[in-house]
C-alpha atoms as a PDB file:
ATOM      1  CA  MET A   1     113.279  81.393 102.771  1.00  0.00           C
ATOM      2  CA  SER A   2     110.975  78.391 101.583  1.00  0.00           C
ATOM      3  CA  THR A   3     109.632  78.625  97.808  1.00  0.00           C
ATOM      4  CA  TYR A   4     106.209  79.300  98.969  1.00  0.00           C
ATOM      5  CA  ASP A   5     106.970  81.635 102.189  1.00  0.00           C
ATOM      6  CA  THR A   6     105.277  85.005 102.044  1.00  0.00           C
ATOM      7  CA  ILE A   7     107.470  87.538 103.109  1.00  0.00           C
ATOM      8  CA  GLN A   8     106.866  90.947 104.315  1.00  0.00           C
ATOM      9  CA  PHE A   9     109.036  93.963 102.582  1.00  0.00           C
ATOM     10  CA  PRO A  10     111.506  95.500 105.391  1.00  0.00           C
ATOM     11  CA  GLY A  11     111.806  98.854 104.166  1.00  0.00           C
ATOM     12  CA  GLN A  12     114.356 100.480 102.252  1.00  0.00           C
ATOM     13  CA  ASN A  13     115.203 104.292 102.610  1.00  0.00           C
ATOM     14  CA  GLY A  14     116.246 106.396  99.357  1.00  0.00           C
ATOM     15  CA  VAL A  15     117.201 110.060  99.146  1.00  0.00           C
ATOM     16  CA  ALA A  16     113.800 111.551  98.356  1.00  0.00           C
ATOM     17  CA  VAL A  17     111.204 108.298  98.770  1.00  0.00           C
ATOM     18  CA  GLU A  18     111.183 105.279 101.098  1.00  0.00           C
ATOM     19  CA  LEU A  19     109.635 101.979 100.249  1.00  0.00           C
ATOM     20  CA  ARG A  20     107.703  99.958 102.972  1.00  0.00           C
ATOM     21  CA  SER A  21     105.237  97.439 103.433  1.00  0.00           C
ATOM     22  CA  MET A  22     101.714  99.005 103.025  1.00  0.00           C
ATOM     23  CA  LEU A  23      99.398  99.037 105.679  1.00  0.00           C
ATOM     24  CA  PRO A  24      95.153  98.419 105.877  1.00  0.00           C
ATOM     25  CA  GLU A  25      94.961 102.247 106.351  1.00  0.00           C
ATOM     26  CA  ASP A  26      96.782 102.677 102.895  1.00  0.00           C
ATOM     27  CA  ALA A  27      93.718 101.115 101.092  1.00  0.00           C
ATOM     28  CA  ALA A  28      92.269 104.451 100.385  1.00  0.00           C
ATOM     29  CA  ALA A  29      95.315 105.607  98.671  1.00  0.00           C
ATOM     30  CA  LEU A  30      96.118 102.441  97.068  1.00  0.00           C
ATOM     31  CA  ARG A  31      92.893 102.666  95.358  1.00  0.00           C
ATOM     32  CA  ALA A  32      92.946 105.894  94.068  1.00  0.00           C
ATOM     33  CA  LEU A  33      95.946 104.997  92.219  1.00  0.00           C
ATOM     34  CA  LEU A  34      94.599 101.983  90.609  1.00  0.00           C
ATOM     35  CA  SER A  35      91.450 103.994  89.580  1.00  0.00           C
ATOM     36  CA  HIS A  36      93.683 107.420  88.371  1.00  0.00           C
ATOM     37  CA  PRO A  37      92.531 107.610  84.458  1.00  0.00           C
ATOM     38  CA  GLU A  38      96.212 108.054  83.524  1.00  0.00           C
ATOM     39  CA  LEU A  39      97.505 104.983  85.530  1.00  0.00           C
ATOM     40  CA  ARG A  40      94.482 102.677  84.948  1.00  0.00           C
ATOM     41  CA  ARG A  41      95.625 102.461  81.320  1.00  0.00           C
ATOM     42  CA  HIS A  42      99.016 100.624  82.313  1.00  0.00           C
ATOM     43  CA  ILE A  43      97.627  98.551  84.879  1.00  0.00           C
ATOM     44  CA  VAL A  44      96.749  94.478  83.613  1.00  0.00           C
ATOM     45  CA  MET A  45      94.572  93.257  86.496  1.00  0.00           C
ATOM     46  CA  ARG A  46      93.222  89.496  85.841  1.00  0.00           C
ATOM     47  CA  ARG A  47      89.799  89.344  84.876  1.00  0.00           C
ATOM     48  CA  GLU A  48      88.355  87.765  87.589  1.00  0.00           C
ATOM     49  CA  GLY A  49      84.517  88.722  87.801  1.00  0.00           C
ATOM     50  CA  SER A  50      83.623  92.280  87.410  1.00  0.00           C
ATOM     51  CA  GLN A  51      86.597  95.149  87.607  1.00  0.00           C
ATOM     52  CA  SER A  52      85.846  96.293  91.237  1.00  0.00           C
ATOM     53  CA  ASP A  53      86.193  92.408  91.972  1.00  0.00           C
ATOM     54  CA  SER A  54      89.551  92.313  90.111  1.00  0.00           C
ATOM     55  CA  MET A  55      90.757  95.792  91.793  1.00  0.00           C
ATOM     56  CA  ASP A  56      89.634  94.078  95.273  1.00  0.00           C
ATOM     57  CA  LYS A  57      91.690  90.964  94.729  1.00  0.00           C
ATOM     58  CA  LEU A  58      94.848  93.083  93.560  1.00  0.00           C
ATOM     59  CA  MET A  59      94.324  95.354  96.439  1.00  0.00           C
ATOM     60  CA  SER A  60      94.163  92.431  99.025  1.00  0.00           C
ATOM     61  CA  ARG A  61      97.283  91.008  97.615  1.00  0.00           C
ATOM     62  CA  MET A  62      99.062  94.164  97.658  1.00  0.00           C
ATOM     63  CA  LEU A  63      98.150  95.144 101.341  1.00  0.00           C
ATOM     64  CA  HIS A  64      98.252  91.946 103.256  1.00  0.00           C
ATOM     65  CA  ALA A  65     101.135  90.175 101.377  1.00  0.00           C
ATOM     66  CA  TYR A  66      99.874  86.544 101.259  1.00  0.00           C
ATOM     67  CA  ASP A  67     101.030  86.115  97.583  1.00  0.00           C
ATOM     68  CA  PRO A  68     104.612  83.952  97.726  1.00  0.00           C
ATOM     69  CA  CYS A  69     104.940  84.847  94.197  1.00  0.00           C
ATOM     70  CA  ALA A  70     105.047  88.500  94.443  1.00  0.00           C
ATOM     71  CA  LEU A  71     106.536  91.256  96.854  1.00  0.00           C
ATOM     72  CA  HIS A  72     104.856  94.882  96.878  1.00  0.00           C
ATOM     73  CA  ALA A  73     106.097  97.671  98.396  1.00  0.00           C
ATOM     74  CA  GLY A  74     104.538 101.015  99.031  1.00  0.00           C
ATOM     75  CA  ILE A  75     106.346 104.136  97.633  1.00  0.00           C
ATOM     76  CA  TYR A  76     106.145 107.124 100.116  1.00  0.00           C
ATOM     77  CA  ARG A  77     107.464 110.729  99.894  1.00  0.00           C
ATOM     78  CA  GLY A  78     110.501 110.424 102.201  1.00  0.00           C
ATOM     79  CA  GLY A  79     109.743 111.174 105.883  1.00  0.00           C
ATOM     80  CA  THR A  80     105.950 110.745 105.341  1.00  0.00           C
ATOM     81  CA  ASP A  81     103.219 108.391 105.423  1.00  0.00           C
ATOM     82  CA  GLU A  82     101.824 109.561 102.222  1.00  0.00           C
ATOM     83  CA  LEU A  83     101.667 106.705  99.717  1.00  0.00           C
ATOM     84  CA  ILE A  84     102.746 108.004  96.283  1.00  0.00           C
ATOM     85  CA  GLY A  85     103.143 104.948  94.303  1.00  0.00           C
ATOM     86  CA  THR A  86     103.818 101.172  94.381  1.00  0.00           C
ATOM     87  CA  VAL A  87     106.596  98.975  93.204  1.00  0.00           C
ATOM     88  CA  SER A  88     106.657  95.399  93.266  1.00  0.00           C
ATOM     89  CA  PHE A  89     108.356  92.253  91.948  1.00  0.00           C
ATOM     90  CA  GLN A  90     105.526  89.797  90.239  1.00  0.00           C
ATOM     91  CA  CYS A  91     105.442  86.453  89.304  1.00  0.00           C
ATOM     92  CA  TRP A  92     108.243  85.951  91.209  1.00  0.00           C
ATOM     93  CA  ASN A  93     109.948  82.778  90.833  1.00  0.00           C
ATOM     94  CA  ARG A  94     112.446  82.089  93.468  1.00  0.00           C
ATOM     95  CA  ARG A  95     114.168  78.668  92.164  1.00  0.00           C
ATOM     96  CA  ASN A  96     115.075  80.478  89.191  1.00  0.00           C
ATOM     97  CA  GLY A  97     115.698  83.819  90.411  1.00  0.00           C
ATOM     98  CA  THR A  98     113.469  85.646  88.266  1.00  0.00           C
ATOM     99  CA  ALA A  99     110.776  88.411  88.557  1.00  0.00           C
ATOM    100  CA  ILE A 100     108.712  91.043  86.661  1.00  0.00           C
ATOM    101  CA  LEU A 101     108.930  94.352  87.729  1.00  0.00           C
ATOM    102  CA  GLY A 102     105.805  96.721  88.174  1.00  0.00           C
ATOM    103  CA  TYR A 103     105.385  99.990  89.516  1.00  0.00           C
ATOM    104  CA  MET A 104     103.213 103.100  89.111  1.00  0.00           C
ATOM    105  CA  LEU A 105     103.469 106.219  90.751  1.00  0.00           C
ATOM    106  CA  ASP A 106     100.686 109.187  91.239  1.00  0.00           C
ATOM    107  CA  PRO A 107     101.021 111.471  88.138  1.00  0.00           C
ATOM    108  CA  ALA A 108     101.161 114.438  90.476  1.00  0.00           C
ATOM    109  CA  TRP A 109     105.169 113.321  91.291  1.00  0.00           C
ATOM    110  CA  TRP A 110     105.923 112.526  87.402  1.00  0.00           C
ATOM    111  CA  GLY A 111     109.027 113.807  86.264  1.00  0.00           C
ATOM    112  CA  ARG A 112     110.978 114.264  89.548  1.00  0.00           C
ATOM    113  CA  GLY A 113     113.209 111.221  89.722  1.00  0.00           C
ATOM    114  CA  LEU A 114     110.787 109.636  92.338  1.00  0.00           C
ATOM    115  CA  ALA A 115     110.130 106.232  90.327  1.00  0.00           C
ATOM    116  CA  THR A 116     113.530 105.834  89.262  1.00  0.00           C
ATOM    117  CA  GLU A 117     114.655 105.934  92.633  1.00  0.00           C
ATOM    118  CA  ALA A 118     112.106 103.698  93.911  1.00  0.00           C
ATOM    119  CA  VAL A 119     112.758 101.256  91.250  1.00  0.00           C
ATOM    120  CA  GLY A 120     116.543 101.327  92.148  1.00  0.00           C
ATOM    121  CA  LEU A 121     116.136 100.651  95.640  1.00  0.00           C
ATOM    122  CA  MET A 122     113.950  97.855  94.739  1.00  0.00           C
ATOM    123  CA  LEU A 123     115.859  96.359  92.130  1.00  0.00           C
ATOM    124  CA  TYR A 124     118.981  96.401  94.757  1.00  0.00           C
ATOM    125  CA  TYR A 125     117.103  94.754  97.271  1.00  0.00           C
ATOM    126  CA  GLY A 126     115.720  92.154  94.909  1.00  0.00           C
ATOM    127  CA  ILE A 127     119.489  91.032  94.014  1.00  0.00           C
ATOM    128  CA  LYS A 128     121.320  91.978  97.300  1.00  0.00           C
ATOM    129  CA  GLU A 129     118.621  90.222  99.358  1.00  0.00           C
ATOM    130  CA  LEU A 130     116.630  87.754  97.451  1.00  0.00           C
ATOM    131  CA  GLY A 131     119.032  86.669  95.053  1.00  0.00           C
ATOM    132  CA  ILE A 132     117.120  87.500  92.090  1.00  0.00           C
ATOM    133  CA  THR A 133     119.072  87.249  88.932  1.00  0.00           C
ATOM    134  CA  GLN A 134     117.167  88.239  85.951  1.00  0.00           C
ATOM    135  CA  VAL A 135     114.152  91.133  86.215  1.00  0.00           C
ATOM    136  CA  GLU A 136     111.914  91.946  83.381  1.00  0.00           C
ATOM    137  CA  GLY A 137     110.030  95.027  82.934  1.00  0.00           C
ATOM    138  CA  ARG A 138     107.113  95.873  80.619  1.00  0.00           C
ATOM    139  CA  CYS A 139     105.646  99.298  79.545  1.00  0.00           C
ATOM    140  CA  LYS A 140     103.633 100.434  76.307  1.00  0.00           C
ATOM    141  CA  GLY A 141     105.182 101.457  73.129  1.00  0.00           C
ATOM    142  CA  ASP A 142     103.978 104.865  73.707  1.00  0.00           C
ATOM    143  CA  ASN A 143     105.037 105.340  77.767  1.00  0.00           C
ATOM    144  CA  ILE A 144     108.386 107.291  77.523  1.00  0.00           C
ATOM    145  CA  GLY A 145     108.792 108.005  81.364  1.00  0.00           C
ATOM    146  CA  SER A 146     108.390 104.118  82.224  1.00  0.00           C
ATOM    147  CA  GLU A 147     110.907 103.464  79.615  1.00  0.00           C
ATOM    148  CA  ARG A 148     113.354 105.919  81.041  1.00  0.00           C
ATOM    149  CA  VAL A 149     112.972 104.686  84.277  1.00  0.00           C
ATOM    150  CA  MET A 150     113.760 101.077  83.597  1.00  0.00           C
ATOM    151  CA  ILE A 151     116.888 102.567  81.277  1.00  0.00           C
ATOM    152  CA  LYS A 152     118.097 104.561  83.838  1.00  0.00           C
ATOM    153  CA  ASN A 153     118.084 101.939  86.310  1.00  0.00           C
ATOM    154  CA  GLY A 154     120.415  99.646  83.950  1.00  0.00           C
ATOM    155  CA  MET A 155     117.597  97.794  82.117  1.00  0.00           C
ATOM    156  CA  ARG A 156     118.029  96.968  78.233  1.00  0.00           C
ATOM    157  CA  LEU A 157     115.246  96.913  75.464  1.00  0.00           C
ATOM    158  CA  VAL A 158     115.229  92.987  74.661  1.00  0.00           C
ATOM    159  CA  ARG A 159     112.121  92.799  72.609  1.00  0.00           C
ATOM    160  CA  ILE A 160     108.830  94.726  71.118  1.00  0.00           C
ATOM    161  CA  ILE A 161     105.665  92.658  71.263  1.00  0.00           C
ATOM    162  CA  PRO A 162     102.884  93.828  68.958  1.00  0.00           C
ATOM    163  CA  VAL A 163      99.512  94.321  71.093  1.00  0.00           C
ATOM    164  CA  ALA A 164      97.206  91.674  69.364  1.00  0.00           C
ATOM    165  CA  GLY A 165      94.073  93.489  67.222  1.00  0.00           C
ATOM    166  CA  SER A 166      96.207  96.784  66.951  1.00  0.00           C
ATOM    167  CA  LEU A 167      98.017  97.946  63.976  1.00  0.00           C
ATOM    168  CA  SER A 168     100.200 100.460  65.872  1.00  0.00           C
ATOM    169  CA  ASP A 169     100.479  99.704  69.853  1.00  0.00           C
ATOM    170  CA  VAL A 170     103.599  97.721  71.208  1.00  0.00           C
ATOM    171  CA  ILE A 171     104.684  96.127  74.572  1.00  0.00           C
ATOM    172  CA  LYS A 172     108.485  97.117  75.159  1.00  0.00           C
ATOM    173  CA  VAL A 173     110.150  94.553  77.065  1.00  0.00           C
ATOM    174  CA  PHE A 174     113.176  95.505  79.246  1.00  0.00           C
ATOM    175  CA  ARG A 175     115.788  93.029  80.869  1.00  0.00           C
ATOM    176  CA  LEU A 176     118.101  93.743  83.871  1.00  0.00           C
ATOM    177  CA  LEU A 177     120.426  90.247  84.203  1.00  0.00           C
ATOM    178  CA  HIS A 178     123.137  90.143  87.560  1.00  0.00           C
ATOM    179  CA  LYS A 179     124.832  87.003  87.966  1.00  0.00           C
END
């Protein structure tokens, strides 16, 4: 695999969820996830023009898999075509074997272990098939659910970063090393 080739996610089946490439027909469900008020506050998008433009560009990258530095997969309820979240490797450096983990799950499905299972499937695939040796994940300091997902998947807290302009907000950084 070349450093600049894009790849299609081959799909992974878990007990309660399936990970697979998102299709253009998933656009409405993906837009709903990215727009959901409870998820929106945790999503960081590059500011390229308006918020709508940024969302459209992110959706295009996720749906059409043309970014060689990222790998996005949809989280589907097992045995269905219902997109309930996404999981991805972002800032993927193939030479160094590093990536940043990103994921989101529709709040209607929180607290059922589905994000934990999806992240576990993605980490396993990244380590076994892509040769990733270091994965970093980040969450806001008050996002206990996301923190628990990473810890349950073997990630360890490595640093806490203060958020600029805030006296109380922090970003927690977790890491998984695999040699």
